[in-house]
Amino acid sequence: MTSIRDGNIFEAMRILLPEHRATVERYRERRSRRRPPDLSEDELSEMQYVLAEAVEERKVVRLTLFGPIQDEVLEGVPELLGGRLWLSRTGGKRVPIDCRRLVRVEFD
């Protein structure tokens, strides 16, 4: 019979209690989550420029928002209301934008 010291990972998993397995799975999931990209000053300046132009001229933009599992892409016309950035989407629905999650801003 092989032992844990021989490198048999399945032998080690067999001795875990079910609640410990759940904890190990949560830990693995947290470690596998994506980290937000570090944007350069040039990238931040370009996003700010595109947003300012889009707000002023009411142009449609495509925003990419960072997500821990998958990025979210939204399209619409950006607006500044009450010091916050909102995106007016088709159908008249306004969505608040968390600027800390912005990864990319581009004209549609």
PDB file of N, CA and C in Angstrom:
ATOM      1  N   MET A   1       0.835  -1.174   0.000  1.00  0.00           N
ATOM      2  CA  MET A   1       0.000   0.000   0.000  1.00  0.00           C
ATOM      3  C   MET A   1       0.883   1.241   0.000  1.00  0.00           C
ATOM      4  N   THR A   2       0.540   2.224  -0.836  1.00  0.00           N
ATOM      5  CA  THR A   2       1.315   3.462  -0.878  1.00  0.00           C
ATOM      6  C   THR A   2       0.885   4.368   0.256  1.00  0.00           C
ATOM      7  N   SER A   3       1.812   5.183   0.704  1.00  0.00           N
ATOM      8  CA  SER A   3       1.504   6.105   1.797  1.00  0.00           C
ATOM      9  C   SER A   3       1.515   7.535   1.277  1.00  0.00           C
ATOM     10  N   ILE A   4       1.135   8.463   2.144  1.00  0.00           N
ATOM     11  CA  ILE A   4       1.122   9.880   1.796  1.00  0.00           C
ATOM     12  C   ILE A   4       2.532  10.353   1.479  1.00  0.00           C
ATOM     13  N   ARG A   5       3.508   9.817   2.196  1.00  0.00           N
ATOM     14  CA  ARG A   5       4.891  10.230   1.973  1.00  0.00           C
ATOM     15  C   ARG A   5       5.396   9.830   0.597  1.00  0.00           C
ATOM     16  N   ASP A   6       4.784   8.864  -0.026  1.00  0.00           N
ATOM     17  CA  ASP A   6       5.188   8.429  -1.359  1.00  0.00           C
ATOM     18  C   ASP A   6       4.648   9.341  -2.453  1.00  0.00           C
ATOM     19  N   GLY A   7       3.893  10.374  -2.086  1.00  0.00           N
ATOM     20  CA  GLY A   7       3.377  11.324  -3.065  1.00  0.00           C
ATOM     21  C   GLY A   7       1.998  10.998  -3.599  1.00  0.00           C
ATOM     22  N   ASN A   8       1.310  10.085  -2.979  1.00  0.00           N
ATOM     23  CA  ASN A   8      -0.028   9.736  -3.441  1.00  0.00           C
ATOM     24  C   ASN A   8      -1.004  10.774  -2.895  1.00  0.00           C
ATOM     25  N   ILE A   9      -1.381  11.724  -3.741  1.00  0.00           N
ATOM     26  CA  ILE A   9      -2.251  12.825  -3.326  1.00  0.00           C
ATOM     27  C   ILE A   9      -3.654  12.336  -2.977  1.00  0.00           C
ATOM     28  N   PHE A  10      -4.124  11.303  -3.636  1.00  0.00           N
ATOM     29  CA  PHE A  10      -5.466  10.801  -3.365  1.00  0.00           C
ATOM     30  C   PHE A  10      -5.548  10.158  -1.978  1.00  0.00           C
ATOM     31  N   GLU A  11      -4.471   9.585  -1.540  1.00  0.00           N
ATOM     32  CA  GLU A  11      -4.427   9.027  -0.195  1.00  0.00           C
ATOM     33  C   GLU A  11      -4.610  10.141   0.835  1.00  0.00           C
ATOM     34  N   ALA A  12      -3.978  11.282   0.584  1.00  0.00           N
ATOM     35  CA  ALA A  12      -4.093  12.418   1.502  1.00  0.00           C
ATOM     36  C   ALA A  12      -5.514  12.976   1.497  1.00  0.00           C
ATOM     37  N   MET A  13      -6.161  13.017   0.345  1.00  0.00           N
ATOM     38  CA  MET A  13      -7.516  13.559   0.253  1.00  0.00           C
ATOM     39  C   MET A  13      -8.515  12.659   0.968  1.00  0.00           C
ATOM     40  N   ARG A  14      -8.225  11.403   1.048  1.00  0.00           N
ATOM     41  CA  ARG A  14      -9.153  10.475   1.661  1.00  0.00           C
ATOM     42  C   ARG A  14      -9.308  10.724   3.154  1.00  0.00           C
ATOM     43  N   ILE A  15      -8.290  11.268   3.795  1.00  0.00           N
ATOM     44  CA  ILE A  15      -8.378  11.460   5.241  1.00  0.00           C
ATOM     45  C   ILE A  15      -8.979  12.815   5.619  1.00  0.00           C
ATOM     46  N   LEU A  16      -9.298  13.666   4.634  1.00  0.00           N
ATOM     47  CA  LEU A  16      -9.916  14.956   4.934  1.00  0.00           C
ATOM     48  C   LEU A  16     -11.390  14.776   5.272  1.00  0.00           C
ATOM     49  N   LEU A  17     -11.835  15.473   6.267  1.00  0.00           N
ATOM     50  CA  LEU A  17     -13.255  15.486   6.591  1.00  0.00           C
ATOM     51  C   LEU A  17     -13.993  16.322   5.551  1.00  0.00           C
ATOM     52  N   PRO A  18     -15.269  16.061   5.339  1.00  0.00           N
ATOM     53  CA  PRO A  18     -16.010  16.819   4.321  1.00  0.00           C
ATOM     54  C   PRO A  18     -15.967  18.334   4.537  1.00  0.00           C
ATOM     55  N   GLU A  19     -16.063  18.790   5.782  1.00  0.00           N
ATOM     56  CA  GLU A  19     -16.020  20.238   6.027  1.00  0.00           C
ATOM     57  C   GLU A  19     -14.631  20.810   5.731  1.00  0.00           C
ATOM     58  N   HIS A  20     -13.610  19.997   5.893  1.00  0.00           N
ATOM     59  CA  HIS A  20     -12.259  20.444   5.540  1.00  0.00           C
ATOM     60  C   HIS A  20     -12.093  20.511   4.029  1.00  0.00           C
ATOM     61  N   ARG A  21     -12.710  19.581   3.325  1.00  0.00           N
ATOM     62  CA  ARG A  21     -12.650  19.618   1.858  1.00  0.00           C
ATOM     63  C   ARG A  21     -13.286  20.898   1.330  1.00  0.00           C
ATOM     64  N   ALA A  22     -14.410  21.291   1.926  1.00  0.00           N
ATOM     65  CA  ALA A  22     -15.073  22.527   1.498  1.00  0.00           C
ATOM     66  C   ALA A  22     -14.166  23.733   1.733  1.00  0.00           C
ATOM     67  N   THR A  23     -13.470  23.749   2.856  1.00  0.00           N
ATOM     68  CA  THR A  23     -12.544  24.840   3.157  1.00  0.00           C
ATOM     69  C   THR A  23     -11.394  24.858   2.155  1.00  0.00           C
ATOM     70  N   VAL A  24     -10.870  23.705   1.820  1.00  0.00           N
ATOM     71  CA  VAL A  24      -9.782  23.617   0.844  1.00  0.00           C
ATOM     72  C   VAL A  24     -10.258  24.098  -0.519  1.00  0.00           C
ATOM     73  N   GLU A  25     -11.474  23.752  -0.908  1.00  0.00           N
ATOM     74  CA  GLU A  25     -12.021  24.202  -2.192  1.00  0.00           C
ATOM     75  C   GLU A  25     -12.189  25.714  -2.232  1.00  0.00           C
ATOM     76  N   ARG A  26     -12.706  26.302  -1.142  1.00  0.00           N
ATOM     77  CA  ARG A  26     -12.843  27.764  -1.071  1.00  0.00           C
ATOM     78  C   ARG A  26     -11.480  28.443  -1.176  1.00  0.00           C
ATOM     79  N   TYR A  27     -10.485  27.871  -0.503  1.00  0.00           N
ATOM     80  CA  TYR A  27      -9.132  28.423  -0.550  1.00  0.00           C
ATOM     81  C   TYR A  27      -8.576  28.365  -1.978  1.00  0.00           C
ATOM     82  N   ARG A  28      -8.752  27.254  -2.645  1.00  0.00           N
ATOM     83  CA  ARG A  28      -8.272  27.120  -4.035  1.00  0.00           C
ATOM     84  C   ARG A  28      -8.985  28.094  -4.957  1.00  0.00           C
ATOM     85  N   GLU A  29     -10.292  28.272  -4.738  1.00  0.00           N
ATOM     86  CA  GLU A  29     -11.061  29.208  -5.562  1.00  0.00           C
ATOM     87  C   GLU A  29     -10.566  30.634  -5.366  1.00  0.00           C
ATOM     88  N   ARG A  30     -10.325  31.031  -4.112  1.00  0.00           N
ATOM     89  CA  ARG A  30      -9.816  32.383  -3.839  1.00  0.00           C
ATOM     90  C   ARG A  30      -8.455  32.611  -4.476  1.00  0.00           C
ATOM     91  N   ARG A  31      -7.602  31.609  -4.425  1.00  0.00           N
ATOM     92  CA  ARG A  31      -6.254  31.743  -5.003  1.00  0.00           C
ATOM     93  C   ARG A  31      -6.283  31.799  -6.520  1.00  0.00           C
ATOM     94  N   SER A  32      -7.296  31.193  -7.131  1.00  0.00           N
ATOM     95  CA  SER A  32      -7.359  31.167  -8.587  1.00  0.00           C
ATOM     96  C   SER A  32      -8.044  32.399  -9.167  1.00  0.00           C
ATOM     97  N   ARG A  33      -8.617  33.253  -8.326  1.00  0.00           N
ATOM     98  CA  ARG A  33      -9.281  34.457  -8.825  1.00  0.00           C
ATOM     99  C   ARG A  33      -8.274  35.394  -9.471  1.00  0.00           C
ATOM    100  N   ARG A  34      -8.748  36.091 -10.456  1.00  0.00           N
ATOM    101  CA  ARG A  34      -7.910  37.038 -11.172  1.00  0.00           C
ATOM    102  C   ARG A  34      -7.659  38.278 -10.316  1.00  0.00           C
ATOM    103  N   ARG A  35      -6.565  38.908 -10.574  1.00  0.00           N
ATOM    104  CA  ARG A  35      -6.225  40.154  -9.894  1.00  0.00           C
ATOM    105  C   ARG A  35      -6.402  41.306 -10.883  1.00  0.00           C
ATOM    106  N   PRO A  36      -6.842  42.479 -10.404  1.00  0.00           N
ATOM    107  CA  PRO A  36      -7.018  43.605 -11.327  1.00  0.00           C
ATOM    108  C   PRO A  36      -5.677  44.024 -11.929  1.00  0.00           C
ATOM    109  N   PRO A  37      -5.693  44.430 -13.191  1.00  0.00           N
ATOM    110  CA  PRO A  37      -4.436  44.825 -13.834  1.00  0.00           C
ATOM    111  C   PRO A  37      -3.929  46.158 -13.273  1.00  0.00           C
ATOM    112  N   ASP A  38      -2.621  46.324 -13.283  1.00  0.00           N
ATOM    113  CA  ASP A  38      -2.017  47.602 -12.901  1.00  0.00           C
ATOM    114  C   ASP A  38      -1.941  48.462 -14.147  1.00  0.00           C
ATOM    115  N   LEU A  39      -2.751  49.522 -14.184  1.00  0.00           N
ATOM    116  CA  LEU A  39      -2.791  50.391 -15.356  1.00  0.00           C
ATOM    117  C   LEU A  39      -1.729  51.479 -15.229  1.00  0.00           C
ATOM    118  N   SER A  40      -1.092  51.786 -16.342  1.00  0.00           N
ATOM    119  CA  SER A  40      -0.069  52.831 -16.347  1.00  0.00           C
ATOM    120  C   SER A  40      -0.737  54.208 -16.336  1.00  0.00           C
ATOM    121  N   GLU A  41       0.043  55.231 -16.070  1.00  0.00           N
ATOM    122  CA  GLU A  41      -0.472  56.598 -16.085  1.00  0.00           C
ATOM    123  C   GLU A  41      -1.009  56.959 -17.466  1.00  0.00           C
ATOM    124  N   ASP A  42      -0.334  56.485 -18.520  1.00  0.00           N
ATOM    125  CA  ASP A  42      -0.783  56.769 -19.885  1.00  0.00           C
ATOM    126  C   ASP A  42      -2.149  56.140 -20.152  1.00  0.00           C
ATOM    127  N   GLU A  43      -2.339  54.909 -19.712  1.00  0.00           N
ATOM    128  CA  GLU A  43      -3.622  54.235 -19.914  1.00  0.00           C
ATOM    129  C   GLU A  43      -4.738  54.942 -19.149  1.00  0.00           C
ATOM    130  N   LEU A  44      -4.448  55.359 -17.917  1.00  0.00           N
ATOM    131  CA  LEU A  44      -5.449  56.087 -17.124  1.00  0.00           C
ATOM    132  C   LEU A  44      -5.788  57.424 -17.765  1.00  0.00           C
ATOM    133  N   SER A  45      -4.772  58.126 -18.275  1.00  0.00           N
ATOM    134  CA  SER A  45      -4.996  59.424 -18.930  1.00  0.00           C
ATOM    135  C   SER A  45      -5.835  59.254 -20.189  1.00  0.00           C
ATOM    136  N   GLU A  46      -5.540  58.215 -20.959  1.00  0.00           N
ATOM    137  CA  GLU A  46      -6.295  57.977 -22.182  1.00  0.00           C
ATOM    138  C   GLU A  46      -7.758  57.664 -21.872  1.00  0.00           C
ATOM    139  N   MET A  47      -8.001  56.838 -20.841  1.00  0.00           N
ATOM    140  CA  MET A  47      -9.380  56.523 -20.456  1.00  0.00           C
ATOM    141  C   MET A  47     -10.109  57.783 -20.010  1.00  0.00           C
ATOM    142  N   GLN A  48      -9.429  58.627 -19.252  1.00  0.00           N
ATOM    143  CA  GLN A  48     -10.033  59.883 -18.779  1.00  0.00           C
ATOM    144  C   GLN A  48     -10.372  60.791 -19.952  1.00  0.00           C
ATOM    145  N   TYR A  49      -9.464  60.871 -20.926  1.00  0.00           N
ATOM    146  CA  TYR A  49      -9.695  61.706 -22.107  1.00  0.00           C
ATOM    147  C   TYR A  49     -10.906  61.212 -22.894  1.00  0.00           C
ATOM    148  N   VAL A  50     -10.972  59.908 -23.139  1.00  0.00           N
ATOM    149  CA  VAL A  50     -12.082  59.332 -23.906  1.00  0.00           C
ATOM    150  C   VAL A  50     -13.401  59.548 -23.162  1.00  0.00           C
ATOM    151  N   LEU A  51     -13.400  59.340 -21.850  1.00  0.00           N
ATOM    152  CA  LEU A  51     -14.622  59.557 -21.061  1.00  0.00           C
ATOM    153  C   LEU A  51     -15.063  61.012 -21.089  1.00  0.00           C
ATOM    154  N   ALA A  52     -14.115  61.929 -20.927  1.00  0.00           N
ATOM    155  CA  ALA A  52     -14.460  63.364 -20.933  1.00  0.00           C
ATOM    156  C   ALA A  52     -15.065  63.766 -22.274  1.00  0.00           C
ATOM    157  N   GLU A  53     -14.479  63.297 -23.361  1.00  0.00           N
ATOM    158  CA  GLU A  53     -15.018  63.610 -24.692  1.00  0.00           C
ATOM    159  C   GLU A  53     -16.398  62.996 -24.888  1.00  0.00           C
ATOM    160  N   ALA A  54     -16.571  61.766 -24.439  1.00  0.00           N
ATOM    161  CA  ALA A  54     -17.859  61.084 -24.590  1.00  0.00           C
ATOM    162  C   ALA A  54     -18.954  61.761 -23.772  1.00  0.00           C
ATOM    163  N   VAL A  55     -18.620  62.217 -22.569  1.00  0.00           N
ATOM    164  CA  VAL A  55     -19.607  62.905 -21.725  1.00  0.00           C
ATOM    165  C   VAL A  55     -19.995  64.233 -22.373  1.00  0.00           C
ATOM    166  N   GLU A  56     -18.982  64.957 -22.841  1.00  0.00           N
ATOM    167  CA  GLU A  56     -19.236  66.274 -23.421  1.00  0.00           C
ATOM    168  C   GLU A  56     -20.029  66.198 -24.718  1.00  0.00           C
ATOM    169  N   GLU A  57     -19.695  65.230 -25.577  1.00  0.00           N
ATOM    170  CA  GLU A  57     -20.333  65.137 -26.889  1.00  0.00           C
ATOM    171  C   GLU A  57     -21.417  64.066 -26.966  1.00  0.00           C
ATOM    172  N   ARG A  58     -21.714  63.432 -25.833  1.00  0.00           N
ATOM    173  CA  ARG A  58     -22.744  62.397 -25.742  1.00  0.00           C
ATOM    174  C   ARG A  58     -22.521  61.285 -26.769  1.00  0.00           C
ATOM    175  N   LYS A  59     -21.294  60.771 -26.794  1.00  0.00           N
ATOM    176  CA  LYS A  59     -20.933  59.674 -27.692  1.00  0.00           C
ATOM    177  C   LYS A  59     -21.076  58.340 -26.973  1.00  0.00           C
ATOM    178  N   VAL A  60     -21.344  57.305 -27.733  1.00  0.00           N
ATOM    179  CA  VAL A  60     -21.464  55.953 -27.195  1.00  0.00           C
ATOM    180  C   VAL A  60     -20.058  55.386 -26.980  1.00  0.00           C
ATOM    181  N   VAL A  61     -19.846  54.803 -25.805  1.00  0.00           N
ATOM    182  CA  VAL A  61     -18.570  54.171 -25.489  1.00  0.00           C
ATOM    183  C   VAL A  61     -18.787  52.724 -25.065  1.00  0.00           C
ATOM    184  N   ARG A  62     -17.711  51.971 -25.117  1.00  0.00           N
ATOM    185  CA  ARG A  62     -17.716  50.592 -24.617  1.00  0.00           C
ATOM    186  C   ARG A  62     -16.796  50.574 -23.401  1.00  0.00           C
ATOM    187  N   LEU A  63     -17.346  50.232 -22.241  1.00  0.00           N
ATOM    188  CA  LEU A  63     -16.583  50.172 -20.998  1.00  0.00           C
ATOM    189  C   LEU A  63     -16.320  48.713 -20.643  1.00  0.00           C
ATOM    190  N   THR A  64     -15.088  48.431 -20.262  1.00  0.00           N
ATOM    191  CA  THR A  64     -14.743  47.103 -19.769  1.00  0.00           C
ATOM    192  C   THR A  64     -14.458  47.233 -18.286  1.00  0.00           C
ATOM    193  N   LEU A  65     -15.249  46.522 -17.476  1.00  0.00           N
ATOM    194  CA  LEU A  65     -15.111  46.559 -16.023  1.00  0.00           C
ATOM    195  C   LEU A  65     -14.488  45.250 -15.553  1.00  0.00           C
ATOM    196  N   PHE A  66     -13.491  45.363 -14.706  1.00  0.00           N
ATOM    197  CA  PHE A  66     -12.813  44.180 -14.180  1.00  0.00           C
ATOM    198  C   PHE A  66     -13.745  43.385 -13.278  1.00  0.00           C
ATOM    199  N   GLY A  67     -13.671  42.075 -13.387  1.00  0.00           N
ATOM    200  CA  GLY A  67     -14.388  41.169 -12.502  1.00  0.00           C
ATOM    201  C   GLY A  67     -13.441  40.069 -12.068  1.00  0.00           C
ATOM    202  N   PRO A  68     -13.589  39.543 -10.846  1.00  0.00           N
ATOM    203  CA  PRO A  68     -12.658  38.526 -10.359  1.00  0.00           C
ATOM    204  C   PRO A  68     -12.683  37.234 -11.170  1.00  0.00           C
ATOM    205  N   ILE A  69     -13.784  36.966 -11.834  1.00  0.00           N
ATOM    206  CA  ILE A  69     -13.884  35.756 -12.643  1.00  0.00           C
ATOM    207  C   ILE A  69     -13.856  36.102 -14.130  1.00  0.00           C
ATOM    208  N   GLN A  70     -14.613  37.119 -14.518  1.00  0.00           N
ATOM    209  CA  GLN A  70     -14.704  37.504 -15.922  1.00  0.00           C
ATOM    210  C   GLN A  70     -14.989  38.998 -16.009  1.00  0.00           C
ATOM    211  N   ASP A  71     -14.400  39.677 -17.021  1.00  0.00           N
ATOM    212  CA  ASP A  71     -14.659  41.092 -17.217  1.00  0.00           C
ATOM    213  C   ASP A  71     -16.078  41.295 -17.730  1.00  0.00           C
ATOM    214  N   GLU A  72     -16.636  42.475 -17.426  1.00  0.00           N
ATOM    215  CA  GLU A  72     -17.981  42.833 -17.854  1.00  0.00           C
ATOM    216  C   GLU A  72     -17.868  43.977 -18.854  1.00  0.00           C
ATOM    217  N   VAL A  73     -18.525  43.856 -19.993  1.00  0.00           N
ATOM    218  CA  VAL A  73     -18.477  44.884 -21.033  1.00  0.00           C
ATOM    219  C   VAL A  73     -19.852  45.529 -21.144  1.00  0.00           C
ATOM    220  N   LEU A  74     -19.881  46.875 -21.032  1.00  0.00           N
ATOM    221  CA  LEU A  74     -21.123  47.640 -21.122  1.00  0.00           C
ATOM    222  C   LEU A  74     -20.982  48.679 -22.216  1.00  0.00           C
ATOM    223  N   GLU A  75     -22.081  48.977 -22.910  1.00  0.00           N
ATOM    224  CA  GLU A  75     -22.082  50.013 -23.940  1.00  0.00           C
ATOM    225  C   GLU A  75     -23.182  51.004 -23.636  1.00  0.00           C
ATOM    226  N   GLY A  76     -22.882  52.278 -23.896  1.00  0.00           N
ATOM    227  CA  GLY A  76     -23.871  53.320 -23.695  1.00  0.00           C
ATOM    228  C   GLY A  76     -23.215  54.683 -23.689  1.00  0.00           C
ATOM    229  N   VAL A  77     -24.003  55.689 -23.318  1.00  0.00           N
ATOM    230  CA  VAL A  77     -23.521  57.068 -23.265  1.00  0.00           C
ATOM    231  C   VAL A  77     -23.233  57.416 -21.804  1.00  0.00           C
ATOM    232  N   PRO A  78     -21.990  57.798 -21.478  1.00  0.00           N
ATOM    233  CA  PRO A  78     -21.662  58.138 -20.084  1.00  0.00           C
ATOM    234  C   PRO A  78     -22.205  59.514 -19.697  1.00  0.00           C
ATOM    235  N   GLU A  79     -22.600  59.638 -18.436  1.00  0.00           N
ATOM    236  CA  GLU A  79     -23.105  60.904 -17.890  1.00  0.00           C
ATOM    237  C   GLU A  79     -22.546  61.093 -16.497  1.00  0.00           C
ATOM    238  N   LEU A  80     -22.314  62.342 -16.124  1.00  0.00           N
ATOM    239  CA  LEU A  80     -21.922  62.667 -14.755  1.00  0.00           C
ATOM    240  C   LEU A  80     -23.136  63.237 -14.049  1.00  0.00           C
ATOM    241  N   LEU A  81     -23.588  62.551 -13.024  1.00  0.00           N
ATOM    242  CA  LEU A  81     -24.743  62.989 -12.244  1.00  0.00           C
ATOM    243  C   LEU A  81     -24.400  62.910 -10.770  1.00  0.00           C
ATOM    244  N   GLY A  82     -24.459  64.028 -10.089  1.00  0.00           N
ATOM    245  CA  GLY A  82     -24.179  64.041  -8.659  1.00  0.00           C
ATOM    246  C   GLY A  82     -22.770  63.603  -8.319  1.00  0.00           C
ATOM    247  N   GLY A  83     -21.827  63.897  -9.199  1.00  0.00           N
ATOM    248  CA  GLY A  83     -20.439  63.539  -8.936  1.00  0.00           C
ATOM    249  C   GLY A  83     -20.109  62.074  -9.204  1.00  0.00           C
ATOM    250  N   ARG A  84     -21.043  61.333  -9.764  1.00  0.00           N
ATOM    251  CA  ARG A  84     -20.822  59.915 -10.095  1.00  0.00           C
ATOM    252  C   ARG A  84     -20.960  59.705 -11.584  1.00  0.00           C
ATOM    253  N   LEU A  85     -20.317  58.669 -12.067  1.00  0.00           N
ATOM    254  CA  LEU A  85     -20.395  58.313 -13.482  1.00  0.00           C
ATOM    255  C   LEU A  85     -21.515  57.294 -13.672  1.00  0.00           C
ATOM    256  N   TRP A  86     -22.381  57.588 -14.613  1.00  0.00           N
ATOM    257  CA  TRP A  86     -23.495  56.702 -14.956  1.00  0.00           C
ATOM    258  C   TRP A  86     -23.401  56.385 -16.436  1.00  0.00           C
ATOM    259  N   LEU A  87     -23.925  55.259 -16.827  1.00  0.00           N
ATOM    260  CA  LEU A  87     -23.958  54.868 -18.233  1.00  0.00           C
ATOM    261  C   LEU A  87     -25.404  54.694 -18.640  1.00  0.00           C
ATOM    262  N   SER A  88     -25.857  55.538 -19.599  1.00  0.00           N
ATOM    263  CA  SER A  88     -27.220  55.414 -20.124  1.00  0.00           C
ATOM    264  C   SER A  88     -27.196  54.381 -21.235  1.00  0.00           C
ATOM    265  N   ARG A  89     -27.873  53.285 -20.999  1.00  0.00           N
ATOM    266  CA  ARG A  89     -27.884  52.194 -21.970  1.00  0.00           C
ATOM    267  C   ARG A  89     -29.111  52.306 -22.852  1.00  0.00           C
ATOM    268  N   THR A  90     -29.146  51.527 -23.890  1.00  0.00           N
ATOM    269  CA  THR A  90     -30.309  51.524 -24.770  1.00  0.00           C
ATOM    270  C   THR A  90     -31.532  51.120 -23.968  1.00  0.00           C
ATOM    271  N   GLY A  91     -32.629  51.746 -24.241  1.00  0.00           N
ATOM    272  CA  GLY A  91     -33.848  51.489 -23.490  1.00  0.00           C
ATOM    273  C   GLY A  91     -34.017  52.455 -22.335  1.00  0.00           C
ATOM    274  N   GLY A  92     -33.100  53.425 -22.185  1.00  0.00           N
ATOM    275  CA  GLY A  92     -33.217  54.456 -21.163  1.00  0.00           C
ATOM    276  C   GLY A  92     -32.783  54.050 -19.772  1.00  0.00           C
ATOM    277  N   LYS A  93     -32.216  52.854 -19.612  1.00  0.00           N
ATOM    278  CA  LYS A  93     -31.793  52.398 -18.289  1.00  0.00           C
ATOM    279  C   LYS A  93     -30.422  52.970 -17.953  1.00  0.00           C
ATOM    280  N   ARG A  94     -30.303  53.589 -16.769  1.00  0.00           N
ATOM    281  CA  ARG A  94     -29.026  54.125 -16.301  1.00  0.00           C
ATOM    282  C   ARG A  94     -28.384  53.152 -15.331  1.00  0.00           C
ATOM    283  N   VAL A  95     -27.081  52.941 -15.512  1.00  0.00           N
ATOM    284  CA  VAL A  95     -26.333  52.024 -14.673  1.00  0.00           C
ATOM    285  C   VAL A  95     -25.190  52.797 -14.016  1.00  0.00           C
ATOM    286  N   PRO A  96     -25.057  52.744 -12.664  1.00  0.00           N
ATOM    287  CA  PRO A  96     -23.912  53.409 -12.036  1.00  0.00           C
ATOM    288  C   PRO A  96     -22.624  52.639 -12.348  1.00  0.00           C
ATOM    289  N   ILE A  97     -21.538  53.360 -12.554  1.00  0.00           N
ATOM    290  CA  ILE A  97     -20.262  52.751 -12.897  1.00  0.00           C
ATOM    291  C   ILE A  97     -19.288  52.942 -11.746  1.00  0.00           C
ATOM    292  N   ASP A  98     -18.677  51.862 -11.317  1.00  0.00           N
ATOM    293  CA  ASP A  98     -17.623  51.912 -10.303  1.00  0.00           C
ATOM    294  C   ASP A  98     -16.303  52.151 -11.036  1.00  0.00           C
ATOM    295  N   CYS A  99     -15.791  53.371 -10.964  1.00  0.00           N
ATOM    296  CA  CYS A  99     -14.593  53.754 -11.721  1.00  0.00           C
ATOM    297  C   CYS A  99     -13.367  52.956 -11.306  1.00  0.00           C
ATOM    298  N   ARG A 100     -13.373  52.403 -10.100  1.00  0.00           N
ATOM    299  CA  ARG A 100     -12.231  51.602  -9.659  1.00  0.00           C
ATOM    300  C   ARG A 100     -12.116  50.303 -10.441  1.00  0.00           C
ATOM    301  N   ARG A 101     -13.220  49.880 -11.057  1.00  0.00           N
ATOM    302  CA  ARG A 101     -13.214  48.629 -11.830  1.00  0.00           C
ATOM    303  C   ARG A 101     -12.921  48.840 -13.308  1.00  0.00           C
ATOM    304  N   LEU A 102     -12.834  50.103 -13.747  1.00  0.00           N
ATOM    305  CA  LEU A 102     -12.610  50.377 -15.166  1.00  0.00           C
ATOM    306  C   LEU A 102     -11.252  49.860 -15.618  1.00  0.00           C
ATOM    307  N   VAL A 103     -11.255  49.105 -16.695  1.00  0.00           N
ATOM    308  CA  VAL A 103     -10.034  48.559 -17.258  1.00  0.00           C
ATOM    309  C   VAL A 103      -9.778  49.169 -18.639  1.00  0.00           C
ATOM    310  N   ARG A 104     -10.858  49.405 -19.396  1.00  0.00           N
ATOM    311  CA  ARG A 104     -10.724  49.940 -20.745  1.00  0.00           C
ATOM    312  C   ARG A 104     -11.947  50.774 -21.084  1.00  0.00           C
ATOM    313  N   VAL A 105     -11.706  51.880 -21.798  1.00  0.00           N
ATOM    314  CA  VAL A 105     -12.772  52.728 -22.311  1.00  0.00           C
ATOM    315  C   VAL A 105     -12.440  53.007 -23.768  1.00  0.00           C
ATOM    316  N   GLU A 106     -13.411  52.742 -24.647  1.00  0.00           N
ATOM    317  CA  GLU A 106     -13.175  52.983 -26.065  1.00  0.00           C
ATOM    318  C   GLU A 106     -14.466  53.412 -26.737  1.00  0.00           C
ATOM    319  N   PHE A 107     -14.312  54.197 -27.796  1.00  0.00           N
ATOM    320  CA  PHE A 107     -15.491  54.613 -28.556  1.00  0.00           C
ATOM    321  C   PHE A 107     -16.044  53.419 -29.302  1.00  0.00           C
ATOM    322  N   ASP A 108     -17.367  53.366 -29.396  1.00  0.00           N
ATOM    323  CA  ASP A 108     -18.033  52.267 -30.082  1.00  0.00           C
ATOM    324  C   ASP A 108     -17.919  52.404 -31.565  1.00  0.00           C
TER     325      ASP A 108
END
